[in-house]
Amino acid sequence: MFVCIQFIPTNRNQSTEILETDVTKVFEVPQNIQTLLNESCYDCHSNNTKYHWYDKIQPASLFVERHINEGKKELNFSEFGAYSNRKQKSKLKFLINQVKNDKMPISSYALIHSNAKLSESEKKEIMDWATTLRDSLK
């Protein structure tokens, strides 16, 4: 059974292209914030996931694919610039609340990816950046 499920195909969320709608192309994102977003957010909230060997084994692969699809549906940094102004503000507010309430990154992701865990100072940096960006939008 284990061998058979390995043949279930999954979609890979990988792209070498950084879209013109990527948050980093549309807005000024300080390097420290970009690093935090890359380490803690982009695997599930962008069009380019960094896969590990265990992400290719079923049923983990299906689990990962589902989380990525749900994450991108909620917020996709690769397409952030294509969102309406109102949606951008809403997504930034969502980001602030999720980080503030320790809901992002999700615990199952942070358990496996220890570098994704945000310290209190890193959370504050992201929240401050997101608040400033949200307040600057018309």
N, C-alpha and C. Protein backbone atom coordinates (compact mmCIF):
# COMPACT_ATOMS: atom_id res chain seq x y z
N MET A 1 0.82 -1.19 0.00
CA MET A 1 0.00 0.00 0.00
C MET A 1 0.88 1.26 0.00
N PHE A 2 1.89 1.29 0.87
CA PHE A 2 2.79 2.44 0.95
C PHE A 2 3.45 2.70 -0.40
N VAL A 3 3.90 1.66 -1.06
CA VAL A 3 4.55 1.81 -2.37
C VAL A 3 3.55 2.33 -3.40
N CYS A 4 2.33 1.82 -3.37
CA CYS A 4 1.32 2.23 -4.34
C CYS A 4 0.98 3.71 -4.22
N ILE A 5 0.87 4.22 -3.00
CA ILE A 5 0.49 5.63 -2.85
C ILE A 5 1.59 6.59 -3.30
N GLN A 6 2.79 6.08 -3.48
CA GLN A 6 3.87 6.94 -3.96
C GLN A 6 3.63 7.40 -5.40
N PHE A 7 2.76 6.71 -6.11
CA PHE A 7 2.48 7.05 -7.50
C PHE A 7 1.35 8.08 -7.65
N ILE A 8 0.79 8.52 -6.54
CA ILE A 8 -0.22 9.57 -6.59
C ILE A 8 0.49 10.89 -6.90
N PRO A 9 0.15 11.51 -8.02
CA PRO A 9 0.86 12.75 -8.39
C PRO A 9 0.43 13.94 -7.54
N THR A 10 1.35 14.84 -7.34
CA THR A 10 1.05 16.11 -6.66
C THR A 10 1.62 17.23 -7.51
N ASN A 11 1.07 18.40 -7.33
CA ASN A 11 1.55 19.58 -8.05
C ASN A 11 2.64 20.24 -7.24
N ARG A 12 3.70 20.63 -7.89
CA ARG A 12 4.79 21.32 -7.23
C ARG A 12 4.58 22.82 -7.37
N ASN A 13 4.70 23.52 -6.28
CA ASN A 13 4.55 24.96 -6.23
C ASN A 13 5.93 25.59 -6.35
N GLN A 14 6.50 25.52 -7.55
CA GLN A 14 7.85 26.04 -7.75
C GLN A 14 7.92 26.87 -9.02
N SER A 15 8.61 27.97 -8.92
CA SER A 15 8.83 28.84 -10.06
C SER A 15 10.13 29.59 -9.84
N THR A 16 10.87 29.75 -10.90
CA THR A 16 12.11 30.53 -10.81
C THR A 16 11.84 32.00 -11.07
N GLU A 17 10.64 32.31 -11.53
CA GLU A 17 10.27 33.68 -11.88
C GLU A 17 9.70 34.43 -10.68
N ILE A 18 10.19 35.64 -10.47
CA ILE A 18 9.60 36.52 -9.47
C ILE A 18 8.67 37.45 -10.24
N LEU A 19 7.38 37.31 -9.98
CA LEU A 19 6.38 38.08 -10.71
C LEU A 19 6.48 39.57 -10.41
N GLU A 20 6.03 40.37 -11.35
CA GLU A 20 5.98 41.82 -11.15
C GLU A 20 4.99 42.20 -10.05
N THR A 21 4.10 41.27 -9.70
CA THR A 21 3.12 41.52 -8.65
C THR A 21 3.61 41.07 -7.27
N ASP A 22 4.82 40.55 -7.20
CA ASP A 22 5.39 40.12 -5.91
C ASP A 22 5.49 41.34 -4.99
N VAL A 23 5.20 41.12 -3.73
CA VAL A 23 5.21 42.22 -2.76
C VAL A 23 6.54 42.96 -2.77
N THR A 24 7.64 42.26 -3.03
CA THR A 24 8.96 42.88 -3.03
C THR A 24 9.20 43.75 -4.26
N LYS A 25 8.42 43.54 -5.32
CA LYS A 25 8.57 44.35 -6.54
C LYS A 25 7.63 45.55 -6.50
N VAL A 26 6.55 45.43 -5.75
CA VAL A 26 5.54 46.49 -5.71
C VAL A 26 5.79 47.48 -4.58
N PHE A 27 6.31 46.97 -3.48
CA PHE A 27 6.56 47.80 -2.29
C PHE A 27 8.00 47.65 -1.84
N GLU A 28 8.46 48.64 -1.10
CA GLU A 28 9.80 48.55 -0.54
C GLU A 28 9.74 47.65 0.69
N VAL A 29 10.46 46.55 0.60
CA VAL A 29 10.50 45.58 1.69
C VAL A 29 11.94 45.52 2.19
N PRO A 30 12.19 45.97 3.41
CA PRO A 30 13.56 45.92 3.94
C PRO A 30 14.11 44.50 3.91
N GLN A 31 15.41 44.39 3.77
CA GLN A 31 16.05 43.08 3.66
C GLN A 31 15.74 42.17 4.85
N ASN A 32 15.72 42.72 6.06
CA ASN A 32 15.44 41.89 7.23
C ASN A 32 14.02 41.32 7.18
N ILE A 33 13.08 42.09 6.68
CA ILE A 33 11.70 41.62 6.55
C ILE A 33 11.62 40.58 5.44
N GLN A 34 12.29 40.83 4.33
CA GLN A 34 12.30 39.87 3.22
C GLN A 34 12.86 38.53 3.69
N THR A 35 13.92 38.56 4.48
CA THR A 35 14.50 37.32 5.00
C THR A 35 13.50 36.59 5.88
N LEU A 36 12.82 37.31 6.76
CA LEU A 36 11.82 36.68 7.63
C LEU A 36 10.67 36.10 6.82
N LEU A 37 10.20 36.83 5.82
CA LEU A 37 9.11 36.32 4.98
C LEU A 37 9.55 35.07 4.24
N ASN A 38 10.77 35.08 3.71
CA ASN A 38 11.29 33.91 2.99
C ASN A 38 11.38 32.69 3.90
N GLU A 39 11.86 32.88 5.10
CA GLU A 39 12.06 31.76 6.01
C GLU A 39 10.77 31.27 6.66
N SER A 40 9.84 32.17 6.92
CA SER A 40 8.67 31.82 7.71
C SER A 40 7.36 31.79 6.94
N CYS A 41 7.31 32.39 5.77
CA CYS A 41 6.01 32.57 5.10
C CYS A 41 5.96 32.04 3.66
N TYR A 42 7.01 32.26 2.91
CA TYR A 42 6.95 32.06 1.46
C TYR A 42 6.69 30.61 1.03
N ASP A 43 7.06 29.62 1.82
CA ASP A 43 6.82 28.24 1.39
C ASP A 43 5.33 27.97 1.17
N CYS A 44 4.48 28.57 1.97
CA CYS A 44 3.03 28.37 1.84
C CYS A 44 2.30 29.57 1.27
N HIS A 45 2.94 30.72 1.24
CA HIS A 45 2.26 31.95 0.83
C HIS A 45 2.94 32.64 -0.34
N SER A 46 3.48 31.86 -1.27
CA SER A 46 4.06 32.41 -2.49
C SER A 46 3.97 31.34 -3.58
N ASN A 47 4.46 31.68 -4.75
CA ASN A 47 4.44 30.72 -5.86
C ASN A 47 5.72 29.90 -5.94
N ASN A 48 6.51 29.92 -4.88
CA ASN A 48 7.77 29.15 -4.92
C ASN A 48 8.07 28.55 -3.56
N THR A 49 7.77 27.28 -3.44
CA THR A 49 8.04 26.53 -2.22
C THR A 49 9.39 25.84 -2.32
N LYS A 50 10.15 25.87 -1.25
CA LYS A 50 11.40 25.11 -1.18
C LYS A 50 11.05 23.74 -0.59
N TYR A 51 11.11 22.72 -1.42
CA TYR A 51 10.76 21.37 -0.98
C TYR A 51 11.97 20.66 -0.40
N HIS A 52 11.68 19.77 0.55
CA HIS A 52 12.71 18.93 1.16
C HIS A 52 12.45 17.50 0.73
N TRP A 53 13.35 16.63 1.01
CA TRP A 53 13.20 15.24 0.57
C TRP A 53 11.91 14.60 1.08
N TYR A 54 11.54 14.90 2.30
CA TYR A 54 10.35 14.28 2.89
C TYR A 54 9.06 14.81 2.30
N ASP A 55 9.12 15.93 1.61
CA ASP A 55 7.93 16.48 0.96
C ASP A 55 7.55 15.70 -0.30
N LYS A 56 8.41 14.80 -0.72
CA LYS A 56 8.15 14.02 -1.93
C LYS A 56 7.57 12.65 -1.62
N ILE A 57 7.44 12.34 -0.35
CA ILE A 57 6.94 11.03 0.07
C ILE A 57 5.47 11.15 0.44
N GLN A 58 4.65 10.23 -0.11
CA GLN A 58 3.23 10.20 0.24
C GLN A 58 3.05 9.51 1.58
N PRO A 59 2.14 9.89 2.41
CA PRO A 59 1.10 10.90 2.20
C PRO A 59 1.52 12.32 2.57
N ALA A 60 2.76 12.49 3.00
CA ALA A 60 3.23 13.84 3.37
C ALA A 60 3.10 14.81 2.21
N SER A 61 3.36 14.36 1.01
CA SER A 61 3.29 15.23 -0.16
C SER A 61 1.89 15.80 -0.35
N LEU A 62 0.87 14.99 -0.17
CA LEU A 62 -0.51 15.47 -0.29
C LEU A 62 -0.85 16.45 0.83
N PHE A 63 -0.36 16.18 2.02
CA PHE A 63 -0.57 17.06 3.17
C PHE A 63 0.06 18.43 2.90
N VAL A 64 1.29 18.43 2.41
CA VAL A 64 2.01 19.67 2.11
C VAL A 64 1.29 20.43 1.00
N GLU A 65 0.89 19.73 -0.05
CA GLU A 65 0.21 20.38 -1.17
C GLU A 65 -1.09 21.06 -0.70
N ARG A 66 -1.83 20.40 0.17
CA ARG A 66 -3.08 20.97 0.68
C ARG A 66 -2.80 22.24 1.49
N HIS A 67 -1.76 22.19 2.34
CA HIS A 67 -1.41 23.38 3.14
C HIS A 67 -0.98 24.54 2.25
N ILE A 68 -0.21 24.25 1.22
CA ILE A 68 0.24 25.30 0.32
C ILE A 68 -0.95 25.93 -0.40
N ASN A 69 -1.84 25.11 -0.91
CA ASN A 69 -3.02 25.63 -1.60
C ASN A 69 -3.88 26.48 -0.69
N GLU A 70 -4.08 26.04 0.54
CA GLU A 70 -4.86 26.83 1.51
C GLU A 70 -4.14 28.13 1.85
N GLY A 71 -2.82 28.04 2.04
CA GLY A 71 -2.04 29.23 2.37
C GLY A 71 -2.08 30.27 1.27
N LYS A 72 -1.90 29.83 0.02
CA LYS A 72 -1.92 30.76 -1.11
C LYS A 72 -3.31 31.34 -1.33
N LYS A 73 -4.33 30.58 -1.03
CA LYS A 73 -5.69 31.09 -1.16
C LYS A 73 -5.94 32.23 -0.18
N GLU A 74 -5.36 32.11 1.01
CA GLU A 74 -5.53 33.13 2.04
C GLU A 74 -4.67 34.36 1.78
N LEU A 75 -3.41 34.14 1.39
CA LEU A 75 -2.46 35.23 1.13
C LEU A 75 -1.35 34.71 0.25
N ASN A 76 -1.14 35.38 -0.88
CA ASN A 76 -0.07 34.99 -1.79
C ASN A 76 0.82 36.21 -2.03
N PHE A 77 2.00 36.19 -1.43
CA PHE A 77 2.92 37.32 -1.58
C PHE A 77 3.37 37.51 -3.03
N SER A 78 3.38 36.43 -3.82
CA SER A 78 3.78 36.53 -5.22
C SER A 78 2.76 37.32 -6.04
N GLU A 79 1.53 37.37 -5.60
CA GLU A 79 0.46 38.05 -6.34
C GLU A 79 -0.11 39.24 -5.57
N PHE A 80 0.56 39.62 -4.50
CA PHE A 80 0.07 40.68 -3.62
C PHE A 80 -0.19 41.99 -4.36
N GLY A 81 0.68 42.34 -5.29
CA GLY A 81 0.53 43.59 -6.04
C GLY A 81 -0.67 43.62 -6.95
N ALA A 82 -1.24 42.46 -7.28
CA ALA A 82 -2.43 42.39 -8.13
C ALA A 82 -3.71 42.52 -7.31
N TYR A 83 -3.60 42.44 -5.99
CA TYR A 83 -4.77 42.61 -5.13
C TYR A 83 -5.24 44.06 -5.20
N SER A 84 -6.52 44.26 -5.00
CA SER A 84 -7.04 45.63 -4.89
C SER A 84 -6.46 46.27 -3.64
N ASN A 85 -6.49 47.58 -3.59
CA ASN A 85 -6.00 48.31 -2.43
C ASN A 85 -6.69 47.84 -1.16
N ARG A 86 -7.99 47.67 -1.25
CA ARG A 86 -8.78 47.22 -0.09
C ARG A 86 -8.36 45.82 0.36
N LYS A 87 -8.13 44.94 -0.61
CA LYS A 87 -7.72 43.57 -0.28
C LYS A 87 -6.31 43.56 0.31
N GLN A 88 -5.43 44.41 -0.20
CA GLN A 88 -4.08 44.50 0.36
C GLN A 88 -4.14 44.90 1.83
N LYS A 89 -4.94 45.91 2.14
CA LYS A 89 -5.09 46.34 3.53
C LYS A 89 -5.65 45.22 4.39
N SER A 90 -6.64 44.53 3.87
CA SER A 90 -7.25 43.42 4.60
C SER A 90 -6.25 42.30 4.86
N LYS A 91 -5.45 41.97 3.85
CA LYS A 91 -4.47 40.90 4.00
C LYS A 91 -3.35 41.29 4.97
N LEU A 92 -2.98 42.55 4.96
CA LEU A 92 -1.96 43.02 5.91
C LEU A 92 -2.50 42.97 7.33
N LYS A 93 -3.76 43.34 7.51
CA LYS A 93 -4.38 43.25 8.83
C LYS A 93 -4.42 41.79 9.28
N PHE A 94 -4.78 40.91 8.38
CA PHE A 94 -4.80 39.47 8.66
C PHE A 94 -3.41 38.99 9.07
N LEU A 95 -2.39 39.40 8.31
CA LEU A 95 -1.01 39.02 8.62
C LEU A 95 -0.62 39.48 10.02
N ILE A 96 -0.91 40.71 10.33
CA ILE A 96 -0.58 41.25 11.66
C ILE A 96 -1.25 40.44 12.76
N ASN A 97 -2.53 40.16 12.60
CA ASN A 97 -3.26 39.39 13.62
C ASN A 97 -2.74 37.96 13.75
N GLN A 98 -2.43 37.33 12.64
CA GLN A 98 -1.95 35.96 12.67
C GLN A 98 -0.59 35.88 13.38
N VAL A 99 0.30 36.80 13.08
CA VAL A 99 1.62 36.82 13.72
C VAL A 99 1.48 37.17 15.20
N LYS A 100 0.68 38.17 15.49
CA LYS A 100 0.47 38.61 16.87
C LYS A 100 -0.07 37.48 17.75
N ASN A 101 -0.99 36.69 17.21
CA ASN A 101 -1.64 35.62 17.97
C ASN A 101 -0.95 34.27 17.82
N ASP A 102 0.29 34.28 17.33
CA ASP A 102 1.10 33.06 17.17
C ASP A 102 0.42 31.99 16.33
N LYS A 103 -0.35 32.41 15.34
CA LYS A 103 -1.01 31.45 14.45
C LYS A 103 -0.22 31.22 13.17
N MET A 104 0.77 32.09 12.92
CA MET A 104 1.63 31.93 11.77
C MET A 104 3.06 32.13 12.20
N PRO A 105 3.98 31.35 11.70
CA PRO A 105 3.71 30.17 10.90
C PRO A 105 3.01 29.10 11.74
N ILE A 106 2.25 28.23 11.05
CA ILE A 106 1.49 27.21 11.78
C ILE A 106 2.45 26.29 12.52
N SER A 107 1.99 25.77 13.62
CA SER A 107 2.86 24.97 14.50
C SER A 107 3.42 23.74 13.81
N SER A 108 2.65 23.07 12.96
CA SER A 108 3.17 21.87 12.29
C SER A 108 4.32 22.22 11.35
N TYR A 109 4.27 23.38 10.73
CA TYR A 109 5.36 23.83 9.86
C TYR A 109 6.58 24.22 10.70
N ALA A 110 6.34 24.99 11.74
CA ALA A 110 7.44 25.46 12.59
C ALA A 110 8.13 24.30 13.33
N LEU A 111 7.39 23.24 13.60
CA LEU A 111 7.96 22.07 14.26
C LEU A 111 9.04 21.44 13.41
N ILE A 112 8.79 21.34 12.12
CA ILE A 112 9.74 20.71 11.19
C ILE A 112 10.78 21.71 10.70
N HIS A 113 10.39 22.96 10.57
CA HIS A 113 11.29 24.00 10.06
C HIS A 113 11.61 24.97 11.20
N SER A 114 12.56 24.62 12.01
CA SER A 114 12.86 25.42 13.21
C SER A 114 13.28 26.85 12.88
N ASN A 115 13.87 27.08 11.70
CA ASN A 115 14.28 28.44 11.33
C ASN A 115 13.07 29.32 11.00
N ALA A 116 11.89 28.72 10.86
CA ALA A 116 10.68 29.49 10.56
C ALA A 116 10.06 30.10 11.81
N LYS A 117 10.41 29.59 12.97
CA LYS A 117 9.85 30.12 14.21
C LYS A 117 10.29 31.57 14.38
N LEU A 118 9.33 32.39 14.76
CA LEU A 118 9.61 33.81 14.91
C LEU A 118 9.82 34.15 16.39
N SER A 119 10.89 34.86 16.66
CA SER A 119 11.10 35.36 18.01
C SER A 119 10.16 36.54 18.24
N GLU A 120 10.06 36.99 19.47
CA GLU A 120 9.21 38.14 19.78
C GLU A 120 9.66 39.38 19.01
N SER A 121 10.96 39.58 18.91
CA SER A 121 11.46 40.76 18.18
C SER A 121 11.19 40.63 16.68
N GLU A 122 11.29 39.43 16.13
CA GLU A 122 10.99 39.23 14.71
C GLU A 122 9.51 39.44 14.43
N LYS A 123 8.67 38.96 15.34
CA LYS A 123 7.23 39.19 15.18
C LYS A 123 6.94 40.69 15.18
N LYS A 124 7.57 41.41 16.08
CA LYS A 124 7.37 42.86 16.15
C LYS A 124 7.83 43.53 14.86
N GLU A 125 8.97 43.10 14.32
CA GLU A 125 9.47 43.67 13.07
C GLU A 125 8.46 43.48 11.94
N ILE A 126 7.93 42.27 11.80
CA ILE A 126 6.95 41.99 10.74
C ILE A 126 5.68 42.80 10.96
N MET A 127 5.20 42.83 12.19
CA MET A 127 3.96 43.57 12.48
C MET A 127 4.15 45.07 12.24
N ASP A 128 5.29 45.61 12.64
CA ASP A 128 5.56 47.03 12.42
C ASP A 128 5.62 47.35 10.93
N TRP A 129 6.32 46.50 10.17
CA TRP A 129 6.42 46.70 8.72
C TRP A 129 5.04 46.62 8.08
N ALA A 130 4.27 45.60 8.42
CA ALA A 130 2.94 45.42 7.83
C ALA A 130 2.01 46.57 8.21
N THR A 131 2.11 47.05 9.43
CA THR A 131 1.28 48.18 9.88
C THR A 131 1.64 49.44 9.11
N THR A 132 2.93 49.70 8.97
CA THR A 132 3.39 50.88 8.23
C THR A 132 2.94 50.81 6.77
N LEU A 133 3.09 49.63 6.16
CA LEU A 133 2.67 49.46 4.77
C LEU A 133 1.15 49.63 4.65
N ARG A 134 0.39 49.02 5.53
CA ARG A 134 -1.06 49.14 5.50
C ARG A 134 -1.49 50.60 5.64
N ASP A 135 -0.87 51.33 6.57
CA ASP A 135 -1.22 52.72 6.81
C ASP A 135 -0.84 53.62 5.63
N SER A 136 0.14 53.20 4.83
CA SER A 136 0.58 54.01 3.69
C SER A 136 -0.30 53.82 2.46
N LEU A 137 -1.12 52.78 2.46
CA LEU A 137 -2.00 52.54 1.32
C LEU A 137 -3.17 53.51 1.35
N LYS A 138 -3.55 53.99 0.18
CA LYS A 138 -4.63 54.98 0.08
C LYS A 138 -5.98 54.34 0.32
